[in-house]
Amino acid sequence: MIKQFDNIKLSVAESESKLYETVCKKFGRKVSGFRILKKSLDARDKNNIVWIYSVAVSDKAFPAEPKFEKINNPPAVAVIGAGPAGLFCALRLIDHGFAPVIIERGKAVEERTADTHKFFTKRVLDCNSNVQFGEGGAGTFSDGKLNTQTHGGFNRDVLNMFKKFGAPEEIVYLNKPHIGSDVLYDVLKNIRAYIVANGGKYMFNTLFTGFDCAADRLKSIKVRNVITGEESGLNVDCAVLALGHSARDTFEMLAGRLEMQPREFSVGVRIEHLSDRISFAQYGGQYVNLPTADYKLISRAGERTVFTFCMCPGGVVIPSSSEEGGVVTNGMSRYARDGQNSNSALMVQMKYEDFGGDDLFAGMRFQRELERRAFSYGGKNYGAPVQLYKDFVSDRVSDKFGEVLPTYSAGTSFAPLGGVLPDVAVNALKTAIPDMDRRLKGFACPDAVLTGVETRFSSPVRIVRDENCESVSVKGIYPCGEGSGYSGGITSSASDGLKVAENIFREHKNH
């Protein structure tokens, strides 16, 4: 018998070991099966902050991993892109007996980490191995946040699979789970070892450059080694396009061959505060007994919606460029989230009218232009333009930092962010920040540091697919994940990868 108990409360001072005792009393006896289903923090009353749990118990141990139906004579599948969508698609294909080949323009996580560190500290950019490209995708260097607004049927699978490969067990039940960029390093290596041990193959430093088809069905793909320049082809029956949101050259290559659509997106800045100030605002004096506080804010006070995204408690702002002559920011936290500052993307919704949405690549060019402006204002050496909030609202260039020091490692230059962002975004931010401060006191801190520019919130194009996740233009091509316009963030991208894999399996299992 399995029974679920909800709304079990523990004070922040109580040990979680008390939870088992409490549940056994409610169940009437000791149990063999015990599983936390959900854990969330209720901080509405700062004088009585409590953890709230949902727990499942059973007389017997809970069942092991599910079994998957295996395919006979599986077709050849190439998964293009080793981000969350591509990796989880490959993992599920292996569950069903496939042996996918993973094509990744960047490097394995060990080499990729060295390349990003070189960029962070010496400003030496590798356009194929950076925060955007390489094993694990952009999420590798952004804290590994797994909370999502989507409610797809594969979200639970994603969490369990991350746990299987070394993520903390708590991610399967925390209300706002995260892995930490430091832990993700080992998780990715474990995933790679599993894929290779089960017949899969990785081709790093390999750029997808085209495909051939017959009668509108895929026959082969073309690739090029980005180091040697050697070109080759692979005969495949299926290709999963898990490209990521920054594969601009690949989008341009596909134009005219696959049906694609422009998409609206958001742009903005990173905002940094002292972590302790945010934690105190959220929890009061009890913040010292709690994890570093996060937040999620949205403002509709102006004409455009403004929202926080990819919030990194105790984290840093990182250089995230993938093209020469452009500055892009992102945020990163380690598992401990113990840094002095907390930061978040502060994003403004852009509309087609802002960038000329009747042109497929107008949004891409718009993003690139903002990145180049940031590069120019940041000193033309991958430093980032920064401005204190008090100076941003007064249209004044800052001349010194206050209590918040920037964490962007490639250097910063004081500059007017109004010269980087479009006017509609500047005006929206000026309206939204004080509005957000009404819900999180201190958010409009005069010394808060704004760092530009954040442009890679989502892909500016979508590769159109049908209800079976297959391209409407070419049979055998499966657009997938964030880069193809069907997800946003690690969990939803990984979930979409699982969805695509299941569709490929269903299509071919009886062939």
Protein backbone atom coordinates (compact mmCIF):
# COMPACT_ATOMS: atom_id res chain seq x y z
CA MET A 1 0.00 0.00 0.00
CA ILE A 2 1.29 3.46 -0.94
CA LYS A 3 -0.05 6.44 0.93
CA GLN A 4 0.71 10.13 0.48
CA PHE A 5 0.87 12.71 3.25
CA ASP A 6 0.77 16.42 2.38
CA ASN A 7 1.35 19.70 4.20
CA ILE A 8 3.82 18.33 6.74
CA LYS A 9 5.61 21.30 8.30
CA LEU A 10 9.06 21.55 9.85
CA SER A 11 10.56 24.72 11.23
CA VAL A 12 13.80 25.87 9.68
CA ALA A 13 15.57 24.93 12.93
CA GLU A 14 14.36 21.29 12.87
CA SER A 15 16.35 18.47 11.33
CA GLU A 16 14.88 16.81 8.26
CA SER A 17 15.43 13.45 9.99
CA LYS A 18 12.34 14.27 12.03
CA LEU A 19 10.27 13.94 8.86
CA TYR A 20 10.55 10.14 8.79
CA GLU A 21 9.44 9.85 12.41
CA THR A 22 6.49 12.16 11.81
CA VAL A 23 5.32 10.20 8.75
CA CYS A 24 5.64 6.82 10.48
CA LYS A 25 3.41 8.09 13.28
CA LYS A 26 0.82 9.21 10.76
CA PHE A 27 1.07 5.87 8.92
CA GLY A 28 0.81 3.93 12.16
CA ARG A 29 4.03 1.92 11.81
CA LYS A 30 7.53 2.00 10.35
CA VAL A 31 7.73 1.85 6.57
CA SER A 32 10.11 0.29 4.05
CA GLY A 33 9.31 2.75 1.27
CA PHE A 34 9.83 6.46 2.03
CA ARG A 35 10.04 9.15 -0.59
CA ILE A 36 9.88 12.95 -0.42
CA LEU A 37 7.64 14.12 -3.26
CA LYS A 38 7.86 17.88 -2.74
CA LYS A 39 9.67 20.33 -0.50
CA SER A 40 9.01 24.05 -0.53
CA LEU A 41 9.66 27.01 1.75
CA ASP A 42 6.78 29.06 3.14
CA ALA A 43 8.20 32.47 4.05
CA ARG A 44 5.01 34.48 4.00
CA ASP A 45 5.26 34.99 7.75
CA LYS A 46 8.86 35.99 8.43
CA ASN A 47 8.36 35.17 12.11
CA ASN A 48 7.32 31.61 11.31
CA ILE A 49 9.17 30.37 8.24
CA VAL A 50 8.61 26.66 7.66
CA TRP A 51 9.49 23.91 5.21
CA ILE A 52 6.42 22.18 3.78
CA TYR A 53 6.63 18.57 2.56
CA SER A 54 4.60 16.04 0.65
CA VAL A 55 5.75 12.46 1.32
CA ALA A 56 4.84 9.04 -0.05
CA VAL A 57 5.28 5.92 2.10
CA SER A 58 4.80 2.21 1.47
CA ASP A 59 5.06 -1.14 3.24
CA LYS A 60 7.43 -2.21 0.45
CA ALA A 61 10.35 -0.57 -1.28
CA PHE A 62 9.39 1.57 -4.25
CA PRO A 63 9.87 0.03 -7.72
CA ALA A 64 13.13 0.45 -9.61
CA GLU A 65 13.59 2.26 -12.92
CA PRO A 66 11.00 1.66 -15.66
CA LYS A 67 11.74 -0.77 -18.48
CA PHE A 68 11.64 0.45 -22.08
CA GLU A 69 10.61 -1.41 -25.20
CA LYS A 70 13.59 -2.00 -27.48
CA ILE A 71 13.49 -1.52 -31.22
CA ASN A 72 14.66 -4.15 -33.70
CA ASN A 73 17.08 -3.02 -36.41
CA PRO A 74 17.08 0.64 -35.29
CA PRO A 75 17.61 3.30 -37.95
CA ALA A 76 20.68 5.52 -37.91
CA VAL A 77 20.04 8.72 -35.94
CA ALA A 78 22.21 11.82 -35.66
CA VAL A 79 21.52 14.17 -32.77
CA ILE A 80 22.89 17.59 -33.64
CA GLY A 81 23.72 19.49 -30.48
CA ALA A 82 24.83 18.22 -27.05
CA GLY A 83 22.75 20.56 -24.92
CA PRO A 84 19.90 19.34 -22.69
CA ALA A 85 17.56 18.67 -25.62
CA GLY A 86 20.13 16.69 -27.58
CA LEU A 87 21.57 14.72 -24.67
CA PHE A 88 18.22 13.69 -23.24
CA CYS A 89 16.96 12.78 -26.68
CA ALA A 90 20.03 10.57 -27.08
CA LEU A 91 19.53 9.00 -23.64
CA ARG A 92 15.93 8.06 -24.39
CA LEU A 93 16.87 6.75 -27.83
CA ILE A 94 19.39 4.48 -26.11
CA ASP A 95 16.61 3.35 -23.72
CA HIS A 96 14.76 2.16 -26.83
CA GLY A 97 17.75 0.40 -28.40
CA PHE A 98 19.08 3.08 -30.76
CA ALA A 99 22.77 3.98 -31.05
CA PRO A 100 22.72 7.73 -31.82
CA VAL A 101 25.65 9.79 -33.04
CA ILE A 102 25.89 13.15 -31.26
CA ILE A 103 27.25 15.97 -33.42
CA GLU A 104 28.57 18.91 -31.38
CA ARG A 105 30.42 21.93 -32.76
CA GLY A 106 31.98 22.61 -29.35
CA LYS A 107 34.24 20.57 -27.13
CA ALA A 108 33.81 18.05 -24.33
CA VAL A 109 33.11 19.66 -20.99
CA GLU A 110 36.69 19.29 -19.71
CA GLU A 111 38.18 21.25 -22.63
CA ARG A 112 35.19 23.55 -22.85
CA THR A 113 35.61 24.57 -19.21
CA ALA A 114 39.24 25.47 -19.88
CA ASP A 115 38.22 27.53 -22.93
CA THR A 116 35.57 29.46 -21.03
CA HIS A 117 37.98 30.15 -18.17
CA LYS A 118 40.47 31.50 -20.70
CA PHE A 119 37.78 33.82 -22.05
CA PHE A 120 36.64 34.88 -18.58
CA THR A 121 40.15 35.82 -17.49
CA LYS A 122 42.14 36.61 -20.65
CA ARG A 123 39.35 37.57 -23.10
CA VAL A 124 40.44 34.96 -25.64
CA LEU A 125 37.26 33.82 -27.39
CA ASP A 126 36.81 30.47 -29.13
CA CYS A 127 33.70 30.92 -31.29
CA ASN A 128 32.90 27.20 -31.16
CA SER A 129 33.78 26.42 -27.54
CA ASN A 130 32.29 28.91 -25.10
CA VAL A 131 29.30 29.48 -22.81
CA GLN A 132 26.89 28.94 -25.72
CA PHE A 133 28.52 26.00 -27.53
CA GLY A 134 29.92 22.74 -26.22
CA GLU A 135 28.90 19.70 -24.20
CA GLY A 136 25.92 20.51 -22.01
CA GLY A 137 24.83 23.60 -23.93
CA ALA A 138 24.37 27.06 -22.44
CA GLY A 139 22.88 25.58 -19.25
CA THR A 140 26.24 24.16 -18.23
CA PHE A 141 27.37 27.60 -17.11
CA SER A 142 24.14 28.97 -15.67
CA ASP A 143 23.61 27.21 -12.34
CA GLY A 144 21.70 24.21 -13.67
CA LYS A 145 18.31 25.58 -12.65
CA LEU A 146 15.60 22.99 -13.24
CA ASN A 147 12.45 24.89 -12.31
CA THR A 148 10.15 25.37 -15.25
CA GLN A 149 6.79 26.93 -16.08
CA THR A 150 5.86 24.08 -18.39
CA HIS A 151 3.96 21.04 -17.17
CA GLY A 152 4.94 18.48 -19.79
CA GLY A 153 4.66 14.80 -19.11
CA PHE A 154 8.44 14.29 -19.17
CA ASN A 155 9.52 16.81 -16.51
CA ARG A 156 9.64 14.17 -13.78
CA ASP A 157 11.68 11.91 -16.07
CA VAL A 158 14.20 14.72 -16.57
CA LEU A 159 14.73 15.17 -12.83
CA ASN A 160 15.09 11.45 -12.22
CA MET A 161 17.57 11.11 -15.06
CA PHE A 162 19.70 13.96 -13.75
CA LYS A 163 19.70 12.26 -10.34
CA LYS A 164 20.72 8.97 -11.97
CA PHE A 165 23.81 10.62 -13.42
CA GLY A 166 24.99 12.29 -10.23
CA ALA A 167 22.83 15.33 -9.49
CA PRO A 168 21.76 15.77 -5.86
CA GLU A 169 18.73 13.65 -4.94
CA GLU A 170 16.90 16.74 -3.69
CA ILE A 171 16.33 17.98 -7.25
CA VAL A 172 13.45 15.51 -7.64
CA TYR A 173 11.43 17.13 -4.85
CA LEU A 174 12.62 20.69 -4.26
CA ASN A 175 10.16 23.32 -5.42
CA LYS A 176 13.00 25.21 -7.15
CA PRO A 177 15.66 22.61 -7.89
CA HIS A 178 19.15 23.40 -9.13
CA ILE A 179 22.28 21.36 -9.73
CA GLY A 180 25.02 23.98 -9.71
CA SER A 181 27.47 24.54 -12.54
CA ASP A 182 30.24 22.79 -10.59
CA VAL A 183 28.17 19.61 -10.11
CA LEU A 184 26.94 19.66 -13.72
CA TYR A 185 30.55 19.16 -14.84
CA ASP A 186 30.57 15.63 -13.41
CA VAL A 187 26.96 14.91 -14.41
CA LEU A 188 27.82 15.59 -18.06
CA LYS A 189 30.84 13.29 -17.95
CA ASN A 190 28.66 10.55 -16.44
CA ILE A 191 26.06 10.98 -19.18
CA ARG A 192 28.76 10.78 -21.85
CA ALA A 193 30.24 7.61 -20.35
CA TYR A 194 26.78 5.99 -20.29
CA ILE A 195 25.97 6.95 -23.88
CA VAL A 196 29.30 5.62 -25.19
CA ALA A 197 29.04 2.43 -23.11
CA ASN A 198 25.64 1.74 -24.66
CA GLY A 199 26.66 2.15 -28.27
CA GLY A 200 26.30 5.88 -28.79
CA LYS A 201 29.03 8.04 -30.25
CA TYR A 202 30.15 11.66 -29.84
CA MET A 203 31.67 13.80 -32.58
CA PHE A 204 32.99 16.96 -30.90
CA ASN A 205 34.43 19.94 -32.80
CA THR A 206 32.02 19.01 -35.60
CA LEU A 207 29.73 21.53 -37.27
CA PHE A 208 26.53 20.51 -39.05
CA THR A 209 26.78 22.12 -42.48
CA GLY A 210 23.96 20.66 -44.54
CA PHE A 211 21.92 17.64 -45.57
CA ASP A 212 20.83 15.70 -48.62
CA CYS A 213 17.43 14.20 -49.19
CA ALA A 214 15.44 12.32 -51.79
CA ALA A 215 11.71 12.74 -52.33
CA ASP A 216 11.59 15.08 -49.33
CA ARG A 217 13.12 12.45 -47.03
CA LEU A 218 16.46 12.80 -45.29
CA LYS A 219 19.26 10.62 -46.64
CA SER A 220 22.47 12.06 -45.16
CA ILE A 221 23.98 14.99 -43.32
CA LYS A 222 27.13 16.97 -44.00
CA VAL A 223 29.58 17.98 -41.29
CA ARG A 224 32.91 19.80 -40.98
CA ASN A 225 35.58 19.51 -38.34
CA VAL A 226 35.99 23.07 -37.03
CA ILE A 227 39.67 22.51 -36.18
CA THR A 228 40.97 20.67 -39.26
CA GLY A 229 38.40 21.89 -41.77
CA GLU A 230 37.86 18.33 -42.97
CA GLU A 231 34.40 17.77 -44.47
CA SER A 232 32.53 14.48 -44.43
CA GLY A 233 29.06 12.99 -44.67
CA LEU A 234 26.99 10.60 -42.58
CA ASN A 235 24.20 8.43 -43.95
CA VAL A 236 21.36 8.73 -41.45
CA ASP A 237 17.63 8.06 -41.42
CA CYS A 238 16.85 10.73 -38.82
CA ALA A 239 18.49 13.94 -37.66
CA VAL A 240 17.43 15.70 -34.46
CA LEU A 241 18.14 19.43 -34.71
CA ALA A 242 18.88 20.35 -31.08
CA LEU A 243 20.81 23.42 -32.14
CA GLY A 244 20.47 25.77 -29.17
CA HIS A 245 19.37 29.41 -29.39
CA SER A 246 22.72 30.80 -30.60
CA ALA A 247 23.44 28.73 -33.73
CA ARG A 248 22.97 31.70 -36.02
CA ASP A 249 25.14 30.40 -38.84
CA THR A 250 23.23 27.11 -38.85
CA PHE A 251 19.89 28.91 -38.98
CA GLU A 252 21.12 30.84 -42.01
CA MET A 253 22.29 27.63 -43.68
CA LEU A 254 18.86 26.02 -43.18
CA ALA A 255 16.91 28.99 -44.53
CA GLY A 256 15.12 28.10 -47.76
CA ARG A 257 15.43 24.36 -47.13
CA LEU A 258 13.28 24.04 -43.99
CA GLU A 259 10.20 26.07 -43.17
CA MET A 260 11.12 28.59 -40.48
CA GLN A 261 9.36 31.46 -38.74
CA PRO A 262 10.57 34.58 -36.91
CA ARG A 263 9.83 34.69 -33.18
CA GLU A 264 9.44 37.45 -30.63
CA PHE A 265 11.92 37.38 -27.77
CA SER A 266 13.20 39.50 -24.88
CA VAL A 267 16.34 41.52 -24.21
CA GLY A 268 17.69 43.26 -21.14
CA VAL A 269 20.48 43.44 -18.60
CA ARG A 270 21.82 41.60 -15.56
CA ILE A 271 21.05 43.23 -12.20
CA GLU A 272 23.26 42.51 -9.17
CA HIS A 273 22.56 43.01 -5.47
CA LEU A 274 24.28 41.86 -2.30
CA SER A 275 23.08 38.33 -1.52
CA ASP A 276 22.52 39.11 2.16
CA ARG A 277 20.27 42.05 1.30
CA ILE A 278 18.08 39.89 -0.93
CA SER A 279 17.95 37.10 1.66
CA PHE A 280 16.99 39.54 4.43
CA ALA A 281 14.28 41.05 2.25
CA GLN A 282 12.84 37.59 1.62
CA TYR A 283 13.27 35.96 5.03
CA GLY A 284 13.98 38.62 7.62
CA GLY A 285 16.44 37.78 10.40
CA GLN A 286 16.05 34.04 9.84
CA TYR A 287 17.91 34.24 6.53
CA VAL A 288 21.10 33.05 8.25
CA ASN A 289 19.47 29.64 8.78
CA LEU A 290 18.24 29.29 5.21
CA PRO A 291 19.64 28.79 1.70
CA THR A 292 20.56 31.95 -0.18
CA ALA A 293 17.27 33.51 -1.25
CA ASP A 294 16.06 33.63 -4.82
CA TYR A 295 13.25 35.65 -6.33
CA LYS A 296 10.99 35.75 -9.34
CA LEU A 297 9.46 39.07 -10.30
CA ILE A 298 7.28 40.37 -13.08
CA SER A 299 6.04 43.89 -13.79
CA ARG A 300 3.28 45.02 -16.07
CA ALA A 301 3.37 48.61 -14.82
CA GLY A 302 4.48 49.96 -18.19
CA GLU A 303 3.63 49.30 -21.80
CA ARG A 304 5.95 46.29 -21.94
CA THR A 305 6.14 43.29 -19.64
CA VAL A 306 9.41 43.09 -17.70
CA PHE A 307 10.44 39.96 -15.82
CA THR A 308 13.38 38.38 -14.05
CA PHE A 309 14.89 35.24 -15.53
CA CYS A 310 17.71 32.83 -14.72
CA MET A 311 18.08 34.21 -11.19
CA CYS A 312 21.41 33.16 -9.65
CA PRO A 313 21.51 33.36 -5.83
CA GLY A 314 25.06 33.82 -4.60
CA GLY A 315 26.25 33.77 -8.19
CA VAL A 316 28.22 35.78 -10.71
CA VAL A 317 27.61 37.48 -14.04
CA ILE A 318 29.64 35.77 -16.75
CA PRO A 319 30.92 36.72 -20.23
CA SER A 320 28.88 34.64 -22.69
CA SER A 321 29.85 35.76 -26.18
CA SER A 322 29.93 33.33 -29.07
CA GLU A 323 30.72 35.80 -31.87
CA GLU A 324 33.69 38.11 -32.19
CA GLY A 325 32.94 41.76 -31.52
CA GLY A 326 29.89 41.18 -29.33
CA VAL A 327 29.29 41.21 -25.57
CA VAL A 328 26.69 38.85 -24.11
CA THR A 329 26.02 38.29 -20.41
CA ASN A 330 24.61 35.37 -18.46
CA GLY A 331 24.49 34.33 -14.81
CA MET A 332 26.08 31.37 -13.03
CA SER A 333 25.96 29.85 -9.55
CA ARG A 334 27.75 26.92 -8.01
CA TYR A 335 25.84 24.35 -5.99
CA ALA A 336 26.62 26.11 -2.68
CA ARG A 337 25.31 29.47 -3.94
CA ASP A 338 27.60 31.19 -1.46
CA GLY A 339 28.84 34.17 -3.46
CA GLN A 340 28.66 37.74 -2.18
CA ASN A 341 26.24 38.89 -4.88
CA SER A 342 23.02 37.60 -6.35
CA ASN A 343 22.05 38.42 -9.92
CA SER A 344 19.25 37.95 -12.38
CA ALA A 345 18.48 38.71 -15.97
CA LEU A 346 16.02 41.58 -16.16
CA MET A 347 14.23 41.12 -19.46
CA VAL A 348 11.93 43.30 -21.56
CA GLN A 349 9.51 41.78 -24.02
CA MET A 350 10.29 42.76 -27.61
CA LYS A 351 7.67 42.75 -30.32
CA TYR A 352 7.92 42.26 -34.07
CA GLU A 353 7.49 46.00 -34.57
CA ASP A 354 10.71 46.61 -32.64
CA PHE A 355 12.95 44.62 -34.96
CA GLY A 356 11.05 44.11 -38.22
CA GLY A 357 9.53 40.70 -37.71
CA ASP A 358 8.44 40.32 -41.34
CA ASP A 359 12.08 39.36 -42.10
CA LEU A 360 13.09 35.88 -40.88
CA PHE A 361 16.46 36.99 -39.52
CA ALA A 362 15.58 40.54 -38.41
CA GLY A 363 15.47 39.45 -34.77
CA MET A 364 18.86 37.79 -35.06
CA ARG A 365 20.37 40.94 -36.53
CA PHE A 366 18.70 43.02 -33.82
CA GLN A 367 20.27 40.87 -31.09
CA ARG A 368 23.67 41.07 -32.77
CA GLU A 369 23.47 44.87 -33.03
CA LEU A 370 22.82 45.20 -29.28
CA GLU A 371 25.75 42.88 -28.55
CA ARG A 372 28.04 44.98 -30.75
CA ARG A 373 26.93 48.17 -29.04
CA ALA A 374 27.72 46.57 -25.68
CA PHE A 375 31.14 45.55 -27.03
CA SER A 376 31.84 49.12 -28.09
CA TYR A 377 30.65 50.74 -24.86
CA GLY A 378 32.46 48.08 -22.82
CA GLY A 379 35.86 49.04 -24.22
CA LYS A 380 36.03 46.84 -27.35
CA ASN A 381 37.83 44.04 -25.49
CA TYR A 382 34.84 41.99 -24.20
CA GLY A 383 34.49 44.13 -21.10
CA ALA A 384 30.86 44.87 -20.30
CA PRO A 385 29.14 48.27 -19.98
CA VAL A 386 27.78 48.85 -16.46
CA GLN A 387 25.73 51.49 -14.72
CA LEU A 388 24.46 51.86 -11.17
CA TYR A 389 20.69 51.84 -10.91
CA LYS A 390 20.57 55.35 -9.42
CA ASP A 391 22.51 56.66 -12.42
CA PHE A 392 20.54 54.62 -14.94
CA VAL A 393 17.26 56.25 -13.90
CA SER A 394 18.93 59.70 -13.93
CA ASP A 395 20.53 59.22 -17.36
CA ARG A 396 23.95 59.78 -15.83
CA VAL A 397 27.12 57.81 -16.46
CA SER A 398 28.32 56.25 -13.20
CA ASP A 399 31.79 57.14 -11.92
CA LYS A 400 32.25 54.78 -8.96
CA PHE A 401 30.71 51.68 -7.41
CA GLY A 402 28.86 51.66 -4.12
CA GLU A 403 28.14 48.67 -1.89
CA VAL A 404 27.73 46.29 -4.86
CA LEU A 405 30.82 45.41 -6.87
CA PRO A 406 30.38 43.77 -10.30
CA THR A 407 31.28 40.10 -10.70
CA TYR A 408 31.71 40.13 -14.49
CA SER A 409 35.24 38.74 -14.77
CA ALA A 410 36.31 40.16 -18.15
CA GLY A 411 36.23 43.73 -16.84
CA THR A 412 33.66 46.51 -16.93
CA SER A 413 33.39 50.09 -18.15
CA PHE A 414 31.01 52.74 -16.90
CA ALA A 415 28.72 53.56 -19.79
CA PRO A 416 25.16 54.72 -20.50
CA LEU A 417 23.07 51.59 -21.00
CA GLY A 418 20.60 53.81 -22.82
CA GLY A 419 23.13 53.82 -25.63
CA VAL A 420 23.08 50.03 -25.81
CA LEU A 421 19.44 49.08 -25.35
CA PRO A 422 16.54 50.31 -27.48
CA ASP A 423 14.51 53.16 -25.99
CA VAL A 424 11.50 50.93 -25.44
CA ALA A 425 13.58 48.64 -23.22
CA VAL A 426 15.19 51.51 -21.30
CA ASN A 427 11.81 53.07 -20.54
CA ALA A 428 10.34 49.73 -19.55
CA LEU A 429 13.19 49.03 -17.09
CA LYS A 430 12.88 52.48 -15.53
CA THR A 431 9.21 51.79 -14.86
CA ALA A 432 9.54 48.16 -13.80
CA ILE A 433 12.39 48.29 -11.26
CA PRO A 434 10.60 50.53 -8.74
CA ASP A 435 7.43 48.50 -9.31
CA MET A 436 9.33 45.31 -8.49
CA ASP A 437 10.76 47.01 -5.42
CA ARG A 438 7.24 47.15 -4.00
CA ARG A 439 7.24 43.35 -3.85
CA LEU A 440 10.93 42.87 -2.98
CA LYS A 441 12.17 45.73 -0.85
CA GLY A 442 15.66 46.74 -1.86
CA PHE A 443 15.38 45.62 -5.46
CA ALA A 444 15.64 49.27 -6.51
CA CYS A 445 18.83 49.65 -4.46
CA PRO A 446 20.64 52.79 -5.70
CA ASP A 447 23.93 50.89 -5.81
CA ALA A 448 22.56 47.85 -7.68
CA VAL A 449 24.75 47.19 -10.72
CA LEU A 450 23.21 46.82 -14.16
CA THR A 451 25.41 44.98 -16.67
CA GLY A 452 24.68 44.83 -20.38
CA VAL A 453 23.62 43.12 -22.41
CA GLU A 454 21.41 40.00 -22.08
CA THR A 455 20.20 38.92 -25.53
CA ARG A 456 20.16 35.12 -25.59
CA PHE A 457 16.89 34.60 -23.72
CA SER A 458 15.46 32.54 -26.57
CA SER A 459 15.88 31.73 -30.22
CA PRO A 460 14.73 34.48 -32.63
CA VAL A 461 13.51 31.82 -35.11
CA ARG A 462 11.48 28.62 -35.03
CA ILE A 463 11.95 25.62 -37.31
CA VAL A 464 8.40 24.48 -37.98
CA ARG A 465 7.48 20.90 -37.09
CA ASP A 466 4.26 18.86 -37.13
CA GLU A 467 2.39 17.07 -34.32
CA ASN A 468 4.91 14.22 -34.50
CA CYS A 469 7.82 16.64 -33.97
CA GLU A 470 8.97 16.14 -37.57
CA SER A 471 9.89 18.98 -39.90
CA VAL A 472 7.00 19.95 -42.17
CA SER A 473 9.55 20.28 -44.99
CA VAL A 474 11.70 17.13 -44.83
CA LYS A 475 10.79 13.73 -43.40
CA GLY A 476 13.36 12.43 -40.97
CA ILE A 477 14.39 15.83 -39.61
CA TYR A 478 13.19 16.57 -36.08
CA PRO A 479 13.54 20.16 -34.80
CA CYS A 480 14.01 19.99 -31.06
CA GLY A 481 14.50 22.15 -28.00
CA GLU A 482 15.28 25.78 -27.44
CA GLY A 483 17.08 26.48 -30.68
CA SER A 484 14.16 25.25 -32.73
CA GLY A 485 11.72 27.34 -30.73
CA TYR A 486 10.00 24.61 -28.71
CA SER A 487 11.36 25.11 -25.20
CA GLY A 488 13.07 27.54 -22.88
CA GLY A 489 15.50 26.48 -20.18
CA ILE A 490 17.11 23.21 -19.16
CA THR A 491 14.09 21.21 -17.99
CA SER A 492 11.74 22.07 -20.84
CA SER A 493 14.52 21.51 -23.39
CA ALA A 494 15.43 18.12 -21.93
CA SER A 495 11.74 17.25 -21.79
CA ASP A 496 11.35 18.16 -25.45
CA GLY A 497 14.32 15.93 -26.25
CA LEU A 498 12.54 13.01 -24.58
CA LYS A 499 9.36 13.82 -26.48
CA VAL A 500 11.17 13.82 -29.83
CA ALA A 501 12.91 10.52 -28.99
CA GLU A 502 9.58 8.88 -28.18
CA ASN A 503 8.15 10.07 -31.48
CA ILE A 504 11.12 8.66 -33.39
CA PHE A 505 10.70 5.36 -31.57
CA ARG A 506 6.97 5.15 -32.36
CA GLU A 507 7.61 6.00 -36.00
CA HIS A 508 10.17 3.22 -36.46
CA LYS A 509 9.35 0.45 -33.97
CA ASN A 510 7.23 -1.55 -36.43
CA HIS A 511 9.42 -1.00 -39.50
